Amino acid sequence: MSKRDLYEVLGVAKGAAKEDIKKAYRKLAMQHHPDKNAGNKDSEAMFKEASHAADILLDDNKRAHYDRFGHDGPQMGGGGGGFQGQDFGDLGDIFGDIFGDILGGQRGGRGGRRAGGRSRAQAGDDLQTDIAVTFEEAAFGVEKEMQINRSVACGDCHGTGAKKGSGPVTCDMCQGHGEVRRQQGFFTIAQPCPKCHGQGQMIKDPCEACHGRGRNKKREKLSVKVPAGIDEGQRLKLSGQGDSGLGGGPAGDLYVLVHIQEHEFFKRDEYDVHCEVPISFSQAAIGTEIEVPTLAGRVSMKIPEGTQSGQKMKLRNKGITKLGGYGFGDQIITIHVETPSKLTKEQRELFSRLSELEQNNVSNPMTKGFFDRVRELFQ
């Protein structure tokens, strides 16, 4: 064992109170505990050094001897780590806290332990399922029915797992504490009881309906409200619709993952709806009024004279309901001007005449600009 001053080892003043020594030791022990630093010889040595210092300084008699004689005085716990069969006292209490934290022991909270070590009620597991809705259902909201498999409290034993007329009994290995302690070198390790699996209780006469589990799988029908504006991949939470808890614990939650079916005409971009509308060459040239489909039905829309293919037009508030009901998106319409692929004799004559007129009077800004640049390039 190091001959460093024991107060220096723990980082406390010589006149430090016991509570300050306990806090300092607990901090060092948590930092350098072998279970948290497997294979680290330096941490192991520091852990032993701190434990040796705390063993002496937390014992009034040993501390008095050390303060008077130092390391060369009467036996200070053997000088090699201490804990040779003595009552752990204050140090034992600290060990219990440290190992409880390291091994995952919780005080209270979901799935923790009551005073005396008996396990608390356990919350049920959360579940997740998927649901498919149409484009329109996602836009306006819908209520859908679905079926899920979930664990529910056994109706025969009411969730206790024990046969009618009987009940859980105290585990004879851990005496109801839910954990067992074993000595390892100079410290004590607490672990979940292997017989009752940390429950502190056992079922000797299991319920025939659930075989002692306290729950049974059941297929149930649920109704879920899909809000207007929901988007692909978003989740809905149904509180308390997951697996039932154990020992009176609360049920878990059910998460519903939403999938939206593709629409043959509409595309979605956040809350806006996009679509493409074809018009004829003549409609684009002279303008017209057409009917276009929206999520709420058909509406009339004016096509101005000289509309170009690819031009976008907006119908305000004809898109998706914004989640939470705060307004609507827009519908964005992309115009596609169709060039006729087969012409009648009369159409061909008309287009020939139109072509002659266009050659004599190029008024389209894009066309005029193109030919002006070509002339400049080849002059």
Protein backbone atom coordinates (compact mmCIF):
# COMPACT_ATOMS: atom_id res chain seq x y z
CA MET A 1 0.00 0.00 0.00
CA SER A 2 1.22 3.47 -0.83
CA LYS A 3 2.77 5.47 1.99
CA ARG A 4 1.07 8.64 0.83
CA ASP A 5 -0.71 10.64 3.50
CA LEU A 6 -4.22 9.13 3.85
CA TYR A 7 -5.89 12.54 3.92
CA GLU A 8 -4.03 13.42 0.73
CA VAL A 9 -5.20 10.17 -0.88
CA LEU A 10 -8.84 11.15 -0.34
CA GLY A 11 -8.24 14.84 -1.02
CA VAL A 12 -9.58 16.07 2.36
CA ALA A 13 -8.17 18.18 5.15
CA LYS A 14 -6.75 16.51 8.28
CA GLY A 15 -9.64 17.73 10.42
CA ALA A 16 -12.31 16.73 7.87
CA ALA A 17 -15.66 15.50 9.19
CA LYS A 18 -16.77 11.93 8.58
CA GLU A 19 -19.38 13.03 6.04
CA ASP A 20 -16.72 14.82 3.99
CA ILE A 21 -14.52 11.70 4.10
CA LYS A 22 -17.44 9.54 3.00
CA LYS A 23 -18.22 11.84 0.07
CA ALA A 24 -14.59 11.98 -1.03
CA TYR A 25 -14.21 8.21 -0.83
CA ARG A 26 -17.45 7.51 -2.65
CA LYS A 27 -16.40 9.79 -5.52
CA LEU A 28 -13.02 8.08 -5.88
CA ALA A 29 -14.48 4.59 -5.53
CA MET A 30 -17.08 5.23 -8.23
CA GLN A 31 -14.37 6.64 -10.52
CA HIS A 32 -11.84 3.83 -10.07
CA HIS A 33 -14.01 0.79 -9.31
CA PRO A 34 -12.61 -2.33 -11.08
CA ASP A 35 -16.00 -3.18 -12.62
CA LYS A 36 -15.91 0.14 -14.45
CA ASN A 37 -12.22 -0.06 -15.37
CA ALA A 38 -11.66 -3.67 -16.31
CA GLY A 39 -7.97 -4.43 -16.81
CA ASN A 40 -6.81 -0.96 -15.72
CA LYS A 41 -4.14 -1.67 -13.10
CA ASP A 42 -3.70 2.01 -12.20
CA SER A 43 -7.41 2.41 -11.40
CA GLU A 44 -7.38 -0.83 -9.41
CA ALA A 45 -4.43 0.41 -7.33
CA MET A 46 -6.08 3.79 -6.73
CA PHE A 47 -9.32 2.06 -5.71
CA LYS A 48 -7.48 -0.09 -3.15
CA GLU A 49 -5.51 2.91 -1.89
CA ALA A 50 -8.66 4.99 -1.42
CA SER A 51 -10.47 2.07 0.27
CA HIS A 52 -7.56 1.56 2.66
CA ALA A 53 -7.54 5.27 3.51
CA ALA A 54 -11.31 5.36 4.10
CA ASP A 55 -11.18 2.18 6.23
CA ILE A 56 -8.80 3.88 8.64
CA LEU A 57 -10.15 7.42 8.63
CA LEU A 58 -13.78 6.36 9.11
CA ASP A 59 -12.88 4.33 12.22
CA ASP A 60 -12.41 6.59 15.25
CA ASN A 61 -9.79 4.36 16.94
CA LYS A 62 -7.78 3.71 13.77
CA ARG A 63 -7.90 7.38 12.84
CA ALA A 64 -6.64 8.39 16.29
CA HIS A 65 -3.74 5.94 16.02
CA TYR A 66 -2.92 7.17 12.49
CA ASP A 67 -3.05 10.84 13.52
CA ARG A 68 -0.63 10.08 16.37
CA PHE A 69 1.79 7.57 14.83
CA GLY A 70 1.23 7.78 11.03
CA HIS A 71 1.98 4.72 8.90
CA ASP A 72 4.56 3.44 11.41
CA GLY A 73 2.14 3.15 14.31
CA PRO A 74 0.23 0.04 15.50
CA GLN A 75 -1.50 -2.07 12.85
CA MET A 76 -3.52 0.15 10.53
CA GLY A 77 -5.75 -2.57 9.15
CA GLY A 78 -2.69 -4.67 8.28
CA GLY A 79 -1.28 -1.90 6.08
CA GLY A 80 -2.21 -3.86 2.99
CA GLY A 81 -5.80 -3.03 2.26
CA GLY A 82 -7.60 -3.69 5.55
CA PHE A 83 -11.05 -5.36 5.88
CA GLN A 84 -9.68 -8.42 7.65
CA GLY A 85 -12.91 -9.78 9.05
CA GLN A 86 -14.01 -6.58 10.80
CA ASP A 87 -17.50 -5.05 10.76
CA PHE A 88 -17.65 -2.79 7.73
CA GLY A 89 -19.73 -0.13 9.53
CA ASP A 90 -19.79 3.18 7.63
CA LEU A 91 -17.65 1.80 4.81
CA GLY A 92 -20.09 -1.08 4.32
CA ASP A 93 -22.94 1.37 3.84
CA ILE A 94 -20.94 3.24 1.23
CA PHE A 95 -20.12 -0.03 -0.55
CA GLY A 96 -23.83 -0.82 -0.71
CA ASP A 97 -24.53 2.50 -2.42
CA ILE A 98 -21.61 2.18 -4.83
CA PHE A 99 -22.35 -1.36 -5.93
CA GLY A 100 -26.05 -0.60 -6.17
CA ASP A 101 -25.26 2.17 -8.65
CA ILE A 102 -22.72 0.13 -10.60
CA LEU A 103 -25.00 -2.90 -10.89
CA GLY A 104 -27.95 -0.79 -11.96
CA GLY A 105 -29.94 -0.74 -8.70
CA GLN A 106 -32.49 2.07 -8.77
CA ARG A 107 -34.19 3.87 -5.94
CA GLY A 108 -37.75 4.42 -6.97
CA GLY A 109 -38.89 5.36 -10.45
CA ARG A 110 -40.20 3.10 -13.14
CA GLY A 111 -39.27 -0.50 -12.38
CA GLY A 112 -37.24 0.39 -9.23
CA ARG A 113 -37.29 -1.12 -5.75
CA ARG A 114 -39.26 -0.44 -2.60
CA ALA A 115 -37.70 -0.13 0.83
CA GLY A 116 -36.63 -3.60 1.93
CA GLY A 117 -35.65 -4.61 -1.64
CA ARG A 118 -38.97 -5.89 -2.98
CA SER A 119 -39.43 -4.98 -6.62
CA ARG A 120 -41.85 -2.24 -7.51
CA ALA A 121 -44.65 -2.66 -10.00
CA GLN A 122 -43.27 -2.92 -13.53
CA ALA A 123 -44.57 -0.87 -16.42
CA GLY A 124 -45.64 -2.72 -19.56
CA ASP A 125 -43.61 -2.57 -22.77
CA ASP A 126 -44.28 -0.02 -25.47
CA LEU A 127 -45.48 -1.42 -28.81
CA GLN A 128 -45.33 -0.17 -32.39
CA THR A 129 -47.51 -0.98 -35.38
CA ASP A 130 -48.04 0.42 -38.88
CA ILE A 131 -51.10 1.86 -40.56
CA ALA A 132 -51.73 2.81 -44.21
CA VAL A 133 -53.94 5.75 -45.20
CA THR A 134 -54.86 7.25 -48.57
CA PHE A 135 -53.55 10.59 -49.81
CA GLU A 136 -56.93 12.21 -49.11
CA GLU A 137 -57.23 10.65 -45.63
CA ALA A 138 -53.85 12.08 -44.68
CA ALA A 139 -54.89 15.49 -46.02
CA PHE A 140 -58.24 15.75 -44.23
CA GLY A 141 -57.87 13.30 -41.32
CA VAL A 142 -59.65 10.03 -40.70
CA GLU A 143 -60.55 7.58 -37.94
CA LYS A 144 -59.31 4.07 -38.67
CA GLU A 145 -59.84 0.73 -36.98
CA MET A 146 -56.88 -1.58 -36.50
CA GLN A 147 -56.01 -4.79 -34.69
CA ILE A 148 -52.95 -5.43 -32.54
CA ASN A 149 -51.57 -8.28 -30.45
CA ARG A 150 -50.80 -7.10 -26.92
CA SER A 151 -50.28 -8.56 -23.46
CA VAL A 152 -53.23 -7.98 -21.14
CA ALA A 153 -53.70 -8.82 -17.47
CA CYS A 154 -54.90 -12.38 -16.97
CA GLY A 155 -58.61 -12.43 -16.20
CA ASP A 156 -58.34 -15.49 -13.95
CA CYS A 157 -55.60 -14.29 -11.59
CA HIS A 158 -56.03 -10.54 -12.21
CA GLY A 159 -52.35 -10.22 -13.07
CA THR A 160 -50.88 -11.87 -9.95
CA GLY A 161 -49.76 -15.02 -11.78
CA ALA A 162 -50.95 -17.14 -8.85
CA LYS A 163 -53.70 -19.75 -8.85
CA LYS A 164 -57.06 -18.74 -7.39
CA GLY A 165 -56.97 -18.90 -3.62
CA SER A 166 -53.18 -18.55 -3.46
CA GLY A 167 -50.71 -15.74 -3.91
CA PRO A 168 -47.03 -14.93 -4.27
CA VAL A 169 -44.73 -16.10 -1.47
CA THR A 170 -41.52 -14.55 -0.19
CA CYS A 171 -38.39 -15.88 -1.88
CA ASP A 172 -36.50 -18.10 0.56
CA MET A 173 -33.12 -17.32 -1.01
CA CYS A 174 -33.12 -13.51 -0.70
CA GLN A 175 -35.79 -13.31 2.02
CA GLY A 176 -37.82 -10.95 -0.11
CA HIS A 177 -35.04 -8.42 -0.75
CA GLY A 178 -34.75 -9.26 -4.44
CA GLU A 179 -30.96 -9.34 -4.26
CA VAL A 180 -28.21 -11.42 -2.74
CA ARG A 181 -24.84 -10.21 -1.49
CA ARG A 182 -21.55 -12.01 -1.73
CA GLN A 183 -18.09 -11.24 -0.46
CA GLN A 184 -15.40 -10.63 -3.05
CA GLY A 185 -12.06 -9.83 -1.49
CA PHE A 186 -12.48 -6.82 0.75
CA PHE A 187 -15.85 -5.67 -0.57
CA THR A 188 -19.43 -6.90 -0.91
CA ILE A 189 -21.27 -7.23 -4.23
CA ALA A 190 -25.06 -7.09 -4.45
CA GLN A 191 -26.69 -8.92 -7.37
CA PRO A 192 -30.28 -9.71 -8.39
CA CYS A 193 -31.49 -12.89 -6.74
CA PRO A 194 -31.12 -15.77 -9.25
CA LYS A 195 -34.08 -17.66 -7.81
CA CYS A 196 -36.77 -14.95 -7.98
CA HIS A 197 -34.99 -12.87 -10.63
CA GLY A 198 -34.97 -9.81 -8.41
CA GLN A 199 -38.70 -9.88 -7.67
CA GLY A 200 -38.42 -10.80 -3.99
CA GLN A 201 -41.45 -13.07 -4.44
CA MET A 202 -42.20 -16.36 -6.15
CA ILE A 203 -45.28 -18.12 -7.48
CA LYS A 204 -45.57 -21.64 -6.07
CA ASP A 205 -49.02 -22.40 -7.46
CA PRO A 206 -49.11 -20.73 -10.89
CA CYS A 207 -52.35 -19.71 -12.55
CA GLU A 208 -53.41 -22.32 -15.11
CA ALA A 209 -54.64 -19.69 -17.56
CA CYS A 210 -51.41 -17.67 -17.82
CA HIS A 211 -48.93 -20.24 -16.40
CA GLY A 212 -47.74 -17.77 -13.77
CA ARG A 213 -46.95 -14.93 -16.17
CA GLY A 214 -49.81 -12.73 -14.98
CA ARG A 215 -50.57 -11.75 -18.59
CA ASN A 216 -51.89 -13.32 -21.76
CA LYS A 217 -51.54 -12.35 -25.41
CA LYS A 218 -54.76 -11.06 -26.90
CA ARG A 219 -55.71 -9.67 -30.31
CA GLU A 220 -57.68 -6.48 -29.79
CA LYS A 221 -59.44 -3.99 -32.06
CA LEU A 222 -58.55 -0.34 -31.57
CA SER A 223 -59.70 2.90 -33.13
CA VAL A 224 -57.07 5.50 -33.99
CA LYS A 225 -57.68 9.10 -35.06
CA VAL A 226 -55.31 10.16 -37.83
CA PRO A 227 -55.15 13.99 -37.74
CA ALA A 228 -55.44 16.09 -40.88
CA GLY A 229 -52.03 17.01 -42.27
CA ILE A 230 -50.18 13.91 -41.06
CA ASP A 231 -47.13 13.13 -43.20
CA GLU A 232 -45.33 9.96 -44.25
CA GLY A 233 -43.36 8.30 -41.43
CA GLN A 234 -44.85 10.32 -38.58
CA ARG A 235 -45.94 8.45 -35.44
CA LEU A 236 -49.08 8.66 -33.37
CA LYS A 237 -48.97 7.81 -29.66
CA LEU A 238 -51.82 5.96 -27.98
CA SER A 239 -51.10 6.22 -24.27
CA GLY A 240 -51.74 3.09 -22.22
CA GLN A 241 -52.45 0.90 -25.25
CA GLY A 242 -49.19 -1.09 -25.09
CA ASP A 243 -48.57 -4.21 -23.03
CA SER A 244 -50.18 -4.32 -19.58
CA GLY A 245 -47.90 -3.76 -16.60
CA LEU A 246 -47.00 -6.29 -13.92
CA GLY A 247 -47.84 -6.08 -10.24
CA GLY A 248 -50.16 -3.14 -10.77
CA GLY A 249 -47.72 -1.25 -12.95
CA PRO A 250 -48.99 1.05 -15.73
CA ALA A 251 -49.49 -0.21 -19.27
CA GLY A 252 -47.01 0.77 -21.97
CA ASP A 253 -47.87 2.98 -24.92
CA LEU A 254 -48.68 2.09 -28.52
CA TYR A 255 -46.94 3.96 -31.34
CA VAL A 256 -48.61 3.93 -34.76
CA LEU A 257 -46.32 4.57 -37.72
CA VAL A 258 -48.25 6.22 -40.59
CA HIS A 259 -47.68 5.30 -44.24
CA ILE A 260 -49.39 7.31 -47.01
CA GLN A 261 -50.37 5.61 -50.26
CA GLU A 262 -49.23 7.28 -53.47
CA HIS A 263 -51.79 9.22 -55.50
CA GLU A 264 -52.08 8.75 -59.25
CA PHE A 265 -52.36 12.48 -59.89
CA PHE A 266 -51.15 14.49 -56.87
CA LYS A 267 -47.71 14.78 -55.28
CA ARG A 268 -47.04 16.29 -51.89
CA ASP A 269 -44.37 18.76 -50.77
CA GLU A 270 -44.90 19.45 -47.06
CA TYR A 271 -48.39 21.04 -47.11
CA ASP A 272 -48.46 21.95 -50.80
CA VAL A 273 -49.99 19.70 -53.46
CA HIS A 274 -48.39 19.49 -56.92
CA CYS A 275 -49.95 18.25 -60.13
CA GLU A 276 -49.43 18.55 -63.90
CA VAL A 277 -52.23 19.65 -66.24
CA PRO A 278 -52.03 19.23 -70.03
CA ILE A 279 -53.45 21.84 -72.41
CA SER A 280 -53.44 22.06 -76.18
CA PHE A 281 -51.15 24.21 -78.30
CA SER A 282 -54.02 26.52 -79.26
CA GLN A 283 -55.23 26.87 -75.65
CA ALA A 284 -51.75 27.96 -74.61
CA ALA A 285 -51.50 30.43 -77.48
CA ILE A 286 -54.83 32.25 -77.21
CA GLY A 287 -55.74 31.49 -73.58
CA THR A 288 -58.75 29.69 -72.19
CA GLU A 289 -60.50 28.56 -69.02
CA ILE A 290 -60.18 24.95 -67.87
CA GLU A 291 -61.32 22.79 -64.98
CA VAL A 292 -58.59 21.32 -62.80
CA PRO A 293 -58.95 18.69 -60.02
CA THR A 294 -58.15 19.58 -56.41
CA LEU A 295 -58.46 17.61 -53.17
CA ALA A 296 -61.75 19.38 -52.54
CA GLY A 297 -63.14 18.84 -56.05
CA ARG A 298 -62.89 20.49 -59.47
CA VAL A 299 -62.34 24.25 -59.81
CA SER A 300 -62.12 26.60 -62.80
CA MET A 301 -58.79 28.18 -63.64
CA LYS A 302 -57.92 30.76 -66.32
CA ILE A 303 -55.07 30.00 -68.69
CA PRO A 304 -53.70 33.35 -69.90
CA GLU A 305 -52.77 34.00 -73.51
CA GLY A 306 -49.21 32.94 -74.33
CA THR A 307 -48.83 30.39 -71.54
CA GLN A 308 -45.61 28.40 -71.87
CA SER A 309 -45.09 24.70 -71.22
CA GLY A 310 -43.64 24.18 -67.71
CA GLN A 311 -45.19 27.38 -66.39
CA LYS A 312 -46.47 27.06 -62.81
CA MET A 313 -49.73 28.43 -61.45
CA LYS A 314 -50.94 28.55 -57.88
CA LEU A 315 -54.34 27.88 -56.34
CA ARG A 316 -54.17 29.33 -52.85
CA ASN A 317 -55.42 27.29 -49.85
CA LYS A 318 -56.20 24.25 -52.02
CA GLY A 319 -53.46 22.10 -50.50
CA ILE A 320 -53.07 19.99 -47.34
CA THR A 321 -54.57 21.00 -44.01
CA LYS A 322 -51.68 22.13 -41.81
CA LEU A 323 -51.17 19.83 -38.85
CA GLY A 324 -53.02 21.30 -35.90
CA GLY A 325 -55.54 23.04 -38.14
CA TYR A 326 -53.58 26.26 -38.71
CA GLY A 327 -54.46 26.97 -42.34
CA PHE A 328 -53.82 25.17 -45.60
CA GLY A 329 -51.07 24.71 -48.12
CA ASP A 330 -51.46 25.65 -51.81
CA GLN A 331 -51.93 23.66 -54.97
CA ILE A 332 -49.16 24.19 -57.50
CA ILE A 333 -50.12 23.38 -61.10
CA THR A 334 -47.49 22.83 -63.77
CA ILE A 335 -48.78 23.45 -67.30
CA HIS A 336 -47.78 20.95 -69.96
CA VAL A 337 -48.43 22.16 -73.51
CA GLU A 338 -49.03 19.14 -75.72
CA THR A 339 -47.75 19.17 -79.28
CA PRO A 340 -50.11 17.25 -81.56
CA SER A 341 -48.48 14.11 -82.94
CA LYS A 342 -51.08 13.31 -85.63
CA LEU A 343 -52.70 16.03 -87.70
CA THR A 344 -55.73 16.03 -89.94
CA LYS A 345 -55.44 17.58 -93.40
CA GLU A 346 -57.22 20.69 -92.21
CA GLN A 347 -54.96 21.00 -89.13
CA ARG A 348 -51.85 20.61 -91.29
CA GLU A 349 -53.02 23.39 -93.59
CA LEU A 350 -53.72 25.68 -90.64
CA PHE A 351 -50.33 25.00 -89.05
CA SER A 352 -48.59 25.58 -92.40
CA ARG A 353 -50.31 28.94 -92.71
CA LEU A 354 -49.35 29.72 -89.06
CA SER A 355 -45.74 28.81 -89.78
CA GLU A 356 -45.62 31.24 -92.70
CA LEU A 357 -47.00 34.02 -90.50
CA GLU A 358 -44.48 33.29 -87.75
CA GLN A 359 -41.56 33.54 -90.22
CA ASN A 360 -42.74 36.96 -91.32
CA ASN A 361 -43.41 38.24 -87.79
CA VAL A 362 -41.36 36.77 -84.97
CA SER A 363 -42.97 38.31 -81.90
CA ASN A 364 -42.16 35.71 -79.26
CA PRO A 365 -39.49 37.30 -76.98
CA MET A 366 -37.60 34.05 -76.44
CA THR A 367 -37.57 33.16 -80.16
CA LYS A 368 -36.60 36.69 -81.22
CA GLY A 369 -33.77 36.78 -78.68
CA PHE A 370 -32.47 33.40 -79.82
CA PHE A 371 -32.22 34.38 -83.51
CA ASP A 372 -30.71 37.74 -82.67
CA ARG A 373 -27.90 35.99 -80.76
CA VAL A 374 -27.39 33.50 -83.62
CA ARG A 375 -26.99 36.34 -86.15
CA GLU A 376 -24.46 38.09 -83.91
CA LEU A 377 -22.52 34.83 -83.47
CA PHE A 378 -22.13 34.09 -87.20
CA GLN A 379 -21.65 37.63 -88.57
